[in-house]
């Protein structure tokens, strides 16, 4: 069995996974927000949902579209007053994993 939950979802629920993929593509195609803002919002949402796997994924995507380390950290930490310290502490390591050893700016 795969250790990647999303791969399991794709394998076990291909029709639903395909529909989900189409929804994600439609949202990505919207030009209402720039790509960096979209990813920072996704990081904030994943933080509140206590999903460090999602935070890690969207932090990598954010970096890929030009977000800096400080912005990614900010997207996690902005939830402190809404979700509490626990989700922030759970998500912060995942958010900065790709930036270890790099300049924070």
PDB file of N, CA and C in Angstrom:
ATOM      1  N   UNK A   1       0.844  -1.180   0.000  1.00  0.00           N
ATOM      2  CA  UNK A   1       0.000   0.000   0.000  1.00  0.00           C
ATOM      3  C   UNK A   1       0.887   1.241   0.000  1.00  0.00           C
ATOM      4  N   UNK A   2       0.443   2.263  -0.719  1.00  0.00           N
ATOM      5  CA  UNK A   2       1.203   3.499  -0.819  1.00  0.00           C
ATOM      6  C   UNK A   2       1.162   4.288   0.486  1.00  0.00           C
ATOM      7  N   UNK A   3       2.252   4.999   0.764  1.00  0.00           N
ATOM      8  CA  UNK A   3       2.288   5.828   1.961  1.00  0.00           C
ATOM      9  C   UNK A   3       1.835   7.256   1.663  1.00  0.00           C
ATOM     10  N   UNK A   4       1.557   7.544   0.395  1.00  0.00           N
ATOM     11  CA  UNK A   4       1.095   8.861   0.003  1.00  0.00           C
ATOM     12  C   UNK A   4      -0.430   8.844  -0.074  1.00  0.00           C
ATOM     13  N   UNK A   5      -1.111   9.546   0.826  1.00  0.00           N
ATOM     14  CA  UNK A   5      -2.571   9.515   0.853  1.00  0.00           C
ATOM     15  C   UNK A   5      -3.216  10.005  -0.446  1.00  0.00           C
ATOM     16  N   UNK A   6      -2.598  10.986  -1.105  1.00  0.00           N
ATOM     17  CA  UNK A   6      -3.186  11.484  -2.350  1.00  0.00           C
ATOM     18  C   UNK A   6      -3.092  10.439  -3.457  1.00  0.00           C
ATOM     19  N   UNK A   7      -1.980   9.720  -3.513  1.00  0.00           N
ATOM     20  CA  UNK A   7      -1.855   8.631  -4.498  1.00  0.00           C
ATOM     21  C   UNK A   7      -2.900   7.553  -4.241  1.00  0.00           C
ATOM     22  N   UNK A   8      -3.160   7.263  -2.981  1.00  0.00           N
ATOM     23  CA  UNK A   8      -4.199   6.295  -2.638  1.00  0.00           C
ATOM     24  C   UNK A   8      -5.566   6.793  -3.101  1.00  0.00           C
ATOM     25  N   UNK A   9      -5.852   8.071  -2.876  1.00  0.00           N
ATOM     26  CA  UNK A   9      -7.091   8.683  -3.345  1.00  0.00           C
ATOM     27  C   UNK A   9      -7.223   8.533  -4.860  1.00  0.00           C
ATOM     28  N   UNK A  10      -6.153   8.821  -5.602  1.00  0.00           N
ATOM     29  CA  UNK A  10      -6.173   8.690  -7.062  1.00  0.00           C
ATOM     30  C   UNK A  10      -6.446   7.250  -7.496  1.00  0.00           C
ATOM     31  N   UNK A  11      -5.832   6.312  -6.802  1.00  0.00           N
ATOM     32  CA  UNK A  11      -5.975   4.901  -7.154  1.00  0.00           C
ATOM     33  C   UNK A  11      -7.365   4.370  -6.810  1.00  0.00           C
ATOM     34  N   UNK A  12      -7.841   4.676  -5.629  1.00  0.00           N
ATOM     35  CA  UNK A  12      -9.087   4.097  -5.142  1.00  0.00           C
ATOM     36  C   UNK A  12     -10.341   4.835  -5.607  1.00  0.00           C
ATOM     37  N   UNK A  13     -10.203   6.083  -5.966  1.00  0.00           N
ATOM     38  CA  UNK A  13     -11.365   6.906  -6.343  1.00  0.00           C
ATOM     39  C   UNK A  13     -11.068   7.688  -7.620  1.00  0.00           C
ATOM     40  N   UNK A  14     -10.756   7.019  -8.722  1.00  0.00           N
ATOM     41  CA  UNK A  14     -10.294   7.742  -9.913  1.00  0.00           C
ATOM     42  C   UNK A  14     -11.309   8.736 -10.481  1.00  0.00           C
ATOM     43  N   UNK A  15     -12.583   8.415 -10.448  1.00  0.00           N
ATOM     44  CA  UNK A  15     -13.585   9.328 -11.001  1.00  0.00           C
ATOM     45  C   UNK A  15     -13.685  10.594 -10.151  1.00  0.00           C
ATOM     46  N   UNK A  16     -13.776  10.405  -8.847  1.00  0.00           N
ATOM     47  CA  UNK A  16     -13.862  11.556  -7.948  1.00  0.00           C
ATOM     48  C   UNK A  16     -12.553  12.348  -7.985  1.00  0.00           C
ATOM     49  N   UNK A  17     -11.425  11.657  -8.025  1.00  0.00           N
ATOM     50  CA  UNK A  17     -10.129  12.330  -8.091  1.00  0.00           C
ATOM     51  C   UNK A  17     -10.012  13.149  -9.373  1.00  0.00           C
ATOM     52  N   UNK A  18     -10.528  12.623 -10.461  1.00  0.00           N
ATOM     53  CA  UNK A  18     -10.517  13.368 -11.719  1.00  0.00           C
ATOM     54  C   UNK A  18     -11.351  14.627 -11.642  1.00  0.00           C
ATOM     55  N   UNK A  19     -12.527  14.519 -11.036  1.00  0.00           N
ATOM     56  CA  UNK A  19     -13.387  15.688 -10.867  1.00  0.00           C
ATOM     57  C   UNK A  19     -12.720  16.713  -9.943  1.00  0.00           C
ATOM     58  N   UNK A  20     -12.084  16.226  -8.905  1.00  0.00           N
ATOM     59  CA  UNK A  20     -11.358  17.106  -7.989  1.00  0.00           C
ATOM     60  C   UNK A  20     -10.241  17.823  -8.746  1.00  0.00           C
ATOM     61  N   UNK A  21      -9.516  17.093  -9.565  1.00  0.00           N
ATOM     62  CA  UNK A  21      -8.433  17.678 -10.354  1.00  0.00           C
ATOM     63  C   UNK A  21      -8.940  18.769 -11.291  1.00  0.00           C
ATOM     64  N   UNK A  22     -10.113  18.544 -11.879  1.00  0.00           N
ATOM     65  CA  UNK A  22     -10.703  19.554 -12.760  1.00  0.00           C
ATOM     66  C   UNK A  22     -11.060  20.816 -11.974  1.00  0.00           C
ATOM     67  N   UNK A  23     -11.582  20.636 -10.769  1.00  0.00           N
ATOM     68  CA  UNK A  23     -11.896  21.778  -9.911  1.00  0.00           C
ATOM     69  C   UNK A  23     -10.632  22.565  -9.571  1.00  0.00           C
ATOM     70  N   UNK A  24      -9.568  21.856  -9.206  1.00  0.00           N
ATOM     71  CA  UNK A  24      -8.300  22.512  -8.867  1.00  0.00           C
ATOM     72  C   UNK A  24      -7.779  23.291 -10.071  1.00  0.00           C
ATOM     73  N   UNK A  25      -7.864  22.696 -11.260  1.00  0.00           N
ATOM     74  CA  UNK A  25      -7.401  23.377 -12.475  1.00  0.00           C
ATOM     75  C   UNK A  25      -8.226  24.623 -12.768  1.00  0.00           C
ATOM     76  N   UNK A  26      -9.540  24.539 -12.561  1.00  0.00           N
ATOM     77  CA  UNK A  26     -10.397  25.701 -12.787  1.00  0.00           C
ATOM     78  C   UNK A  26     -10.049  26.833 -11.824  1.00  0.00           C
ATOM     79  N   UNK A  27      -9.806  26.482 -10.574  1.00  0.00           N
ATOM     80  CA  UNK A  27      -9.422  27.505  -9.597  1.00  0.00           C
ATOM     81  C   UNK A  27      -8.059  28.105  -9.955  1.00  0.00           C
ATOM     82  N   UNK A  28      -7.132  27.289 -10.382  1.00  0.00           N
ATOM     83  CA  UNK A  28      -5.798  27.772 -10.737  1.00  0.00           C
ATOM     84  C   UNK A  28      -5.851  28.687 -11.953  1.00  0.00           C
ATOM     85  N   UNK A  29      -6.789  28.436 -12.850  1.00  0.00           N
ATOM     86  CA  UNK A  29      -6.905  29.235 -14.064  1.00  0.00           C
ATOM     87  C   UNK A  29      -7.506  30.615 -13.817  1.00  0.00           C
ATOM     88  N   UNK A  30      -8.183  30.786 -12.717  1.00  0.00           N
ATOM     89  CA  UNK A  30      -8.773  32.085 -12.398  1.00  0.00           C
ATOM     90  C   UNK A  30      -7.676  33.128 -12.221  1.00  0.00           C
ATOM     91  N   UNK A  31      -7.899  34.299 -12.794  1.00  0.00           N
ATOM     92  CA  UNK A  31      -6.896  35.348 -12.657  1.00  0.00           C
ATOM     93  C   UNK A  31      -7.317  36.414 -11.643  1.00  0.00           C
ATOM     94  N   UNK A  32      -8.257  36.083 -10.773  1.00  0.00           N
ATOM     95  CA  UNK A  32      -8.706  37.030  -9.750  1.00  0.00           C
ATOM     96  C   UNK A  32      -7.602  37.344  -8.750  1.00  0.00           C
ATOM     97  N   UNK A  33      -6.718  36.382  -8.501  1.00  0.00           N
ATOM     98  CA  UNK A  33      -5.585  36.562  -7.596  1.00  0.00           C
ATOM     99  C   UNK A  33      -4.316  36.137  -8.316  1.00  0.00           C
ATOM    100  N   UNK A  34      -3.208  36.763  -7.974  1.00  0.00           N
ATOM    101  CA  UNK A  34      -1.943  36.349  -8.566  1.00  0.00           C
ATOM    102  C   UNK A  34      -1.497  35.018  -7.949  1.00  0.00           C
ATOM    103  N   UNK A  35      -0.621  34.284  -8.635  1.00  0.00           N
ATOM    104  CA  UNK A  35      -0.218  32.953  -8.156  1.00  0.00           C
ATOM    105  C   UNK A  35       0.399  32.934  -6.760  1.00  0.00           C
ATOM    106  N   UNK A  36       1.176  33.946  -6.401  1.00  0.00           N
ATOM    107  CA  UNK A  36       1.785  33.975  -5.070  1.00  0.00           C
ATOM    108  C   UNK A  36       0.696  34.106  -4.010  1.00  0.00           C
ATOM    109  N   UNK A  37      -0.235  35.031  -4.223  1.00  0.00           N
ATOM    110  CA  UNK A  37      -1.319  35.234  -3.259  1.00  0.00           C
ATOM    111  C   UNK A  37      -2.141  33.964  -3.096  1.00  0.00           C
ATOM    112  N   UNK A  38      -2.441  33.282  -4.192  1.00  0.00           N
ATOM    113  CA  UNK A  38      -3.203  32.026  -4.115  1.00  0.00           C
ATOM    114  C   UNK A  38      -2.492  31.021  -3.213  1.00  0.00           C
ATOM    115  N   UNK A  39      -1.185  30.886  -3.396  1.00  0.00           N
ATOM    116  CA  UNK A  39      -0.450  29.895  -2.608  1.00  0.00           C
ATOM    117  C   UNK A  39      -0.349  30.307  -1.142  1.00  0.00           C
ATOM    118  N   UNK A  40      -0.184  31.585  -0.875  1.00  0.00           N
ATOM    119  CA  UNK A  40      -0.124  32.034   0.519  1.00  0.00           C
ATOM    120  C   UNK A  40      -1.465  31.809   1.215  1.00  0.00           C
ATOM    121  N   UNK A  41      -2.559  32.029   0.506  1.00  0.00           N
ATOM    122  CA  UNK A  41      -3.877  31.734   1.071  1.00  0.00           C
ATOM    123  C   UNK A  41      -4.005  30.240   1.346  1.00  0.00           C
ATOM    124  N   UNK A  42      -3.552  29.418   0.411  1.00  0.00           N
ATOM    125  CA  UNK A  42      -3.605  27.965   0.619  1.00  0.00           C
ATOM    126  C   UNK A  42      -2.786  27.547   1.837  1.00  0.00           C
ATOM    127  N   UNK A  43      -1.628  28.174   2.032  1.00  0.00           N
ATOM    128  CA  UNK A  43      -0.805  27.868   3.204  1.00  0.00           C
ATOM    129  C   UNK A  43      -1.559  28.224   4.479  1.00  0.00           C
ATOM    130  N   UNK A  44      -2.195  29.381   4.494  1.00  0.00           N
ATOM    131  CA  UNK A  44      -2.950  29.803   5.674  1.00  0.00           C
ATOM    132  C   UNK A  44      -4.100  28.832   5.954  1.00  0.00           C
ATOM    133  N   UNK A  45      -4.802  28.421   4.921  1.00  0.00           N
ATOM    134  CA  UNK A  45      -5.913  27.475   5.092  1.00  0.00           C
ATOM    135  C   UNK A  45      -5.403  26.136   5.609  1.00  0.00           C
ATOM    136  N   UNK A  46      -4.329  25.630   5.036  1.00  0.00           N
ATOM    137  CA  UNK A  46      -3.780  24.343   5.468  1.00  0.00           C
ATOM    138  C   UNK A  46      -3.283  24.421   6.908  1.00  0.00           C
ATOM    139  N   UNK A  47      -2.781  25.581   7.308  1.00  0.00           N
ATOM    140  CA  UNK A  47      -2.361  25.759   8.699  1.00  0.00           C
ATOM    141  C   UNK A  47      -3.547  25.613   9.642  1.00  0.00           C
ATOM    142  N   UNK A  48      -4.632  26.306   9.345  1.00  0.00           N
ATOM    143  CA  UNK A  48      -5.831  26.231  10.185  1.00  0.00           C
ATOM    144  C   UNK A  48      -6.370  24.802  10.226  1.00  0.00           C
ATOM    145  N   UNK A  49      -6.246  24.085   9.106  1.00  0.00           N
ATOM    146  CA  UNK A  49      -6.720  22.703   9.058  1.00  0.00           C
ATOM    147  C   UNK A  49      -5.747  21.719   9.692  1.00  0.00           C
ATOM    148  N   UNK A  50      -4.652  22.221  10.240  1.00  0.00           N
ATOM    149  CA  UNK A  50      -3.632  21.393  10.893  1.00  0.00           C
ATOM    150  C   UNK A  50      -3.105  20.310   9.943  1.00  0.00           C
ATOM    151  N   UNK A  51      -2.776  20.731   8.731  1.00  0.00           N
ATOM    152  CA  UNK A  51      -2.333  19.817   7.696  1.00  0.00           C
ATOM    153  C   UNK A  51      -0.920  20.190   7.238  1.00  0.00           C
ATOM    154  N   UNK A  52       0.114  19.719   7.946  1.00  0.00           N
ATOM    155  CA  UNK A  52       1.468  20.075   7.545  1.00  0.00           C
ATOM    156  C   UNK A  52       1.864  19.528   6.172  1.00  0.00           C
ATOM    157  N   UNK A  53       1.254  18.445   5.734  1.00  0.00           N
ATOM    158  CA  UNK A  53       1.541  17.936   4.380  1.00  0.00           C
ATOM    159  C   UNK A  53       1.067  18.964   3.351  1.00  0.00           C
ATOM    160  N   UNK A  54      -0.123  19.504   3.554  1.00  0.00           N
ATOM    161  CA  UNK A  54      -0.635  20.539   2.659  1.00  0.00           C
ATOM    162  C   UNK A  54       0.191  21.813   2.734  1.00  0.00           C
ATOM    163  N   UNK A  55       0.615  22.183   3.935  1.00  0.00           N
ATOM    164  CA  UNK A  55       1.468  23.362   4.096  1.00  0.00           C
ATOM    165  C   UNK A  55       2.756  23.168   3.316  1.00  0.00           C
ATOM    166  N   UNK A  56       3.384  22.019   3.467  1.00  0.00           N
ATOM    167  CA  UNK A  56       4.644  21.730   2.767  1.00  0.00           C
ATOM    168  C   UNK A  56       4.447  21.820   1.252  1.00  0.00           C
ATOM    169  N   UNK A  57       3.373  21.217   0.761  1.00  0.00           N
ATOM    170  CA  UNK A  57       3.077  21.217  -0.677  1.00  0.00           C
ATOM    171  C   UNK A  57       2.888  22.645  -1.195  1.00  0.00           C
ATOM    172  N   UNK A  58       2.060  23.421  -0.514  1.00  0.00           N
ATOM    173  CA  UNK A  58       1.781  24.778  -0.988  1.00  0.00           C
ATOM    174  C   UNK A  58       2.951  25.728  -0.749  1.00  0.00           C
ATOM    175  N   UNK A  59       3.764  25.478   0.269  1.00  0.00           N
ATOM    176  CA  UNK A  59       4.972  26.284   0.464  1.00  0.00           C
ATOM    177  C   UNK A  59       5.940  26.073  -0.696  1.00  0.00           C
ATOM    178  N   UNK A  60       6.083  24.841  -1.136  1.00  0.00           N
ATOM    179  CA  UNK A  60       6.938  24.558  -2.295  1.00  0.00           C
ATOM    180  C   UNK A  60       6.374  25.221  -3.553  1.00  0.00           C
ATOM    181  N   UNK A  61       5.052  25.150  -3.707  1.00  0.00           N
ATOM    182  CA  UNK A  61       4.428  25.798  -4.866  1.00  0.00           C
ATOM    183  C   UNK A  61       4.595  27.317  -4.786  1.00  0.00           C
ATOM    184  N   UNK A  62       4.458  27.874  -3.582  1.00  0.00           N
ATOM    185  CA  UNK A  62       4.625  29.314  -3.402  1.00  0.00           C
ATOM    186  C   UNK A  62       6.044  29.733  -3.767  1.00  0.00           C
ATOM    187  N   UNK A  63       6.992  28.964  -3.320  1.00  0.00           N
ATOM    188  CA  UNK A  63       8.384  29.270  -3.656  1.00  0.00           C
ATOM    189  C   UNK A  63       8.591  29.200  -5.166  1.00  0.00           C
ATOM    190  N   UNK A  64       7.950  28.228  -5.788  1.00  0.00           N
ATOM    191  CA  UNK A  64       8.078  28.066  -7.231  1.00  0.00           C
ATOM    192  C   UNK A  64       7.511  29.214  -8.052  1.00  0.00           C
ATOM    193  N   UNK A  65       6.548  29.938  -7.480  1.00  0.00           N
ATOM    194  CA  UNK A  65       5.974  31.083  -8.209  1.00  0.00           C
ATOM    195  C   UNK A  65       6.514  32.413  -7.702  1.00  0.00           C
ATOM    196  N   UNK A  66       7.536  32.355  -6.840  1.00  0.00           N
ATOM    197  CA  UNK A  66       8.229  33.577  -6.459  1.00  0.00           C
ATOM    198  C   UNK A  66       8.024  34.086  -5.047  1.00  0.00           C
ATOM    199  N   UNK A  67       7.294  33.373  -4.219  1.00  0.00           N
ATOM    200  CA  UNK A  67       7.117  33.815  -2.829  1.00  0.00           C
ATOM    201  C   UNK A  67       8.419  33.632  -2.066  1.00  0.00           C
ATOM    202  N   UNK A  68       8.676  34.539  -1.169  1.00  0.00           N
ATOM    203  CA  UNK A  68       9.857  34.446  -0.327  1.00  0.00           C
ATOM    204  C   UNK A  68       9.566  33.715   0.970  1.00  0.00           C
ATOM    205  N   UNK A  69      10.628  33.324   1.634  1.00  0.00           N
ATOM    206  CA  UNK A  69      10.518  32.610   2.912  1.00  0.00           C
ATOM    207  C   UNK A  69       9.712  33.409   3.929  1.00  0.00           C
ATOM    208  N   UNK A  70       9.960  34.705   3.999  1.00  0.00           N
ATOM    209  CA  UNK A  70       9.270  35.550   4.963  1.00  0.00           C
ATOM    210  C   UNK A  70       7.758  35.571   4.710  1.00  0.00           C
ATOM    211  N   UNK A  71       7.339  35.607   3.447  1.00  0.00           N
ATOM    212  CA  UNK A  71       5.913  35.607   3.118  1.00  0.00           C
ATOM    213  C   UNK A  71       5.259  34.286   3.504  1.00  0.00           C
ATOM    214  N   UNK A  72       5.960  33.176   3.271  1.00  0.00           N
ATOM    215  CA  UNK A  72       5.424  31.856   3.628  1.00  0.00           C
ATOM    216  C   UNK A  72       5.277  31.742   5.142  1.00  0.00           C
ATOM    217  N   UNK A  73       6.278  32.184   5.868  1.00  0.00           N
ATOM    218  CA  UNK A  73       6.188  32.181   7.330  1.00  0.00           C
ATOM    219  C   UNK A  73       5.017  33.058   7.771  1.00  0.00           C
ATOM    220  N   UNK A  74       4.880  34.209   7.154  1.00  0.00           N
ATOM    221  CA  UNK A  74       3.788  35.111   7.491  1.00  0.00           C
ATOM    222  C   UNK A  74       2.424  34.488   7.271  1.00  0.00           C
ATOM    223  N   UNK A  75       2.288  33.681   6.213  1.00  0.00           N
ATOM    224  CA  UNK A  75       1.010  33.015   5.932  1.00  0.00           C
ATOM    225  C   UNK A  75       0.663  32.014   7.021  1.00  0.00           C
ATOM    226  N   UNK A  76       1.662  31.371   7.599  1.00  0.00           N
ATOM    227  CA  UNK A  76       1.425  30.434   8.706  1.00  0.00           C
ATOM    228  C   UNK A  76       1.102  31.199   9.987  1.00  0.00           C
ATOM    229  N   UNK A  77       1.926  32.171  10.319  1.00  0.00           N
ATOM    230  CA  UNK A  77       1.831  32.859  11.602  1.00  0.00           C
ATOM    231  C   UNK A  77       0.600  33.759  11.693  1.00  0.00           C
ATOM    232  N   UNK A  78       0.067  34.204  10.546  1.00  0.00           N
ATOM    233  CA  UNK A  78      -1.113  35.077  10.603  1.00  0.00           C
ATOM    234  C   UNK A  78      -2.311  34.380  11.243  1.00  0.00           C
ATOM    235  N   UNK A  79      -2.263  33.079  11.364  1.00  0.00           N
ATOM    236  CA  UNK A  79      -3.348  32.310  11.961  1.00  0.00           C
ATOM    237  C   UNK A  79      -3.268  32.202  13.475  1.00  0.00           C
ATOM    238  N   UNK A  80      -2.240  32.739  14.065  1.00  0.00           N
ATOM    239  CA  UNK A  80      -2.036  32.591  15.503  1.00  0.00           C
ATOM    240  C   UNK A  80      -3.253  33.038  16.314  1.00  0.00           C
ATOM    241  N   UNK A  81      -3.786  34.189  16.017  1.00  0.00           N
ATOM    242  CA  UNK A  81      -4.922  34.696  16.795  1.00  0.00           C
ATOM    243  C   UNK A  81      -6.236  34.010  16.438  1.00  0.00           C
ATOM    244  N   UNK A  82      -6.296  33.337  15.291  1.00  0.00           N
ATOM    245  CA  UNK A  82      -7.519  32.653  14.867  1.00  0.00           C
ATOM    246  C   UNK A  82      -7.553  31.185  15.273  1.00  0.00           C
ATOM    247  N   UNK A  83      -6.431  30.511  15.084  1.00  0.00           N
ATOM    248  CA  UNK A  83      -6.407  29.067  15.298  1.00  0.00           C
ATOM    249  C   UNK A  83      -5.623  28.654  16.535  1.00  0.00           C
ATOM    250  N   UNK A  84      -4.827  29.565  17.076  1.00  0.00           N
ATOM    251  CA  UNK A  84      -4.044  29.243  18.256  1.00  0.00           C
ATOM    252  C   UNK A  84      -2.629  28.826  17.915  1.00  0.00           C
ATOM    253  N   UNK A  85      -1.847  28.627  18.939  1.00  0.00           N
ATOM    254  CA  UNK A  85      -0.436  28.301  18.778  1.00  0.00           C
ATOM    255  C   UNK A  85      -0.213  26.902  18.200  1.00  0.00           C
ATOM    256  N   UNK A  86      -1.065  25.938  18.546  1.00  0.00           N
ATOM    257  CA  UNK A  86      -0.868  24.557  18.103  1.00  0.00           C
ATOM    258  C   UNK A  86      -0.752  24.403  16.594  1.00  0.00           C
ATOM    259  N   UNK A  87      -1.720  24.884  15.810  1.00  0.00           N
ATOM    260  CA  UNK A  87      -1.621  24.746  14.358  1.00  0.00           C
ATOM    261  C   UNK A  87      -0.401  25.463  13.769  1.00  0.00           C
ATOM    262  N   UNK A  88      -0.047  26.594  14.351  1.00  0.00           N
ATOM    263  CA  UNK A  88       1.122  27.327  13.865  1.00  0.00           C
ATOM    264  C   UNK A  88       2.388  26.511  14.123  1.00  0.00           C
ATOM    265  N   UNK A  89       2.537  25.982  15.334  1.00  0.00           N
ATOM    266  CA  UNK A  89       3.723  25.177  15.651  1.00  0.00           C
ATOM    267  C   UNK A  89       3.775  23.897  14.830  1.00  0.00           C
ATOM    268  N   UNK A  90       2.632  23.322  14.524  1.00  0.00           N
ATOM    269  CA  UNK A  90       2.576  22.114  13.701  1.00  0.00           C
ATOM    270  C   UNK A  90       2.976  22.402  12.256  1.00  0.00           C
ATOM    271  N   UNK A  91       2.605  23.574  11.756  1.00  0.00           N
ATOM    272  CA  UNK A  91       2.794  23.897  10.345  1.00  0.00           C
ATOM    273  C   UNK A  91       4.105  24.591  10.019  1.00  0.00           C
ATOM    274  N   UNK A  92       4.651  25.343  10.936  1.00  0.00           N
ATOM    275  CA  UNK A  92       5.838  26.135  10.639  1.00  0.00           C
ATOM    276  C   UNK A  92       7.025  25.300  10.139  1.00  0.00           C
ATOM    277  N   UNK A  93       7.358  24.180  10.762  1.00  0.00           N
ATOM    278  CA  UNK A  93       8.481  23.389  10.221  1.00  0.00           C
ATOM    279  C   UNK A  93       8.241  22.942   8.779  1.00  0.00           C
ATOM    280  N   UNK A  94       7.018  22.555   8.459  1.00  0.00           N
ATOM    281  CA  UNK A  94       6.708  22.123   7.093  1.00  0.00           C
ATOM    282  C   UNK A  94       6.824  23.289   6.118  1.00  0.00           C
ATOM    283  N   UNK A  95       6.461  24.477   6.562  1.00  0.00           N
ATOM    284  CA  UNK A  95       6.486  25.647   5.686  1.00  0.00           C
ATOM    285  C   UNK A  95       7.897  26.045   5.294  1.00  0.00           C
ATOM    286  N   UNK A  96       8.843  25.882   6.205  1.00  0.00           N
ATOM    287  CA  UNK A  96      10.203  26.361   5.923  1.00  0.00           C
ATOM    288  C   UNK A  96      11.181  25.244   5.572  1.00  0.00           C
ATOM    289  N   UNK A  97      10.687  24.033   5.480  1.00  0.00           N
ATOM    290  CA  UNK A  97      11.558  22.890   5.204  1.00  0.00           C
ATOM    291  C   UNK A  97      12.448  23.110   3.980  1.00  0.00           C
ATOM    292  N   UNK A  98      11.891  23.627   2.895  1.00  0.00           N
ATOM    293  CA  UNK A  98      12.666  23.831   1.667  1.00  0.00           C
ATOM    294  C   UNK A  98      13.645  24.993   1.757  1.00  0.00           C
ATOM    295  N   UNK A  99      13.494  25.825   2.796  1.00  0.00           N
ATOM    296  CA  UNK A  99      14.349  26.984   2.929  1.00  0.00           C
ATOM    297  C   UNK A  99      15.448  26.797   3.955  1.00  0.00           C
ATOM    298  N   UNK A 100      15.586  25.628   4.533  1.00  0.00           N
ATOM    299  CA  UNK A 100      16.629  25.417   5.543  1.00  0.00           C
ATOM    300  C   UNK A 100      17.981  25.825   4.980  1.00  0.00           C
ATOM    301  N   UNK A 101      18.676  26.624   5.744  1.00  0.00           N
ATOM    302  CA  UNK A 101      20.007  27.056   5.338  1.00  0.00           C
ATOM    303  C   UNK A 101      20.025  28.199   4.339  1.00  0.00           C
ATOM    304  N   UNK A 102      18.878  28.814   4.076  1.00  0.00           N
ATOM    305  CA  UNK A 102      18.850  29.934   3.139  1.00  0.00           C
ATOM    306  C   UNK A 102      18.558  31.223   3.884  1.00  0.00           C
ATOM    307  N   UNK A 103      18.834  32.313   3.233  1.00  0.00           N
ATOM    308  CA  UNK A 103      18.575  33.647   3.783  1.00  0.00           C
ATOM    309  C   UNK A 103      17.079  33.820   3.972  1.00  0.00           C
ATOM    310  N   UNK A 104      16.622  34.345   5.119  1.00  0.00           N
ATOM    311  CA  UNK A 104      15.191  34.472   5.374  1.00  0.00           C
ATOM    312  C   UNK A 104      14.478  35.486   4.496  1.00  0.00           C
ATOM    313  N   UNK A 105      15.154  36.270   3.722  1.00  0.00           N
ATOM    314  CA  UNK A 105      14.468  37.297   2.908  1.00  0.00           C
ATOM    315  C   UNK A 105      14.436  36.964   1.456  1.00  0.00           C
TER     316      UNK A 105
END
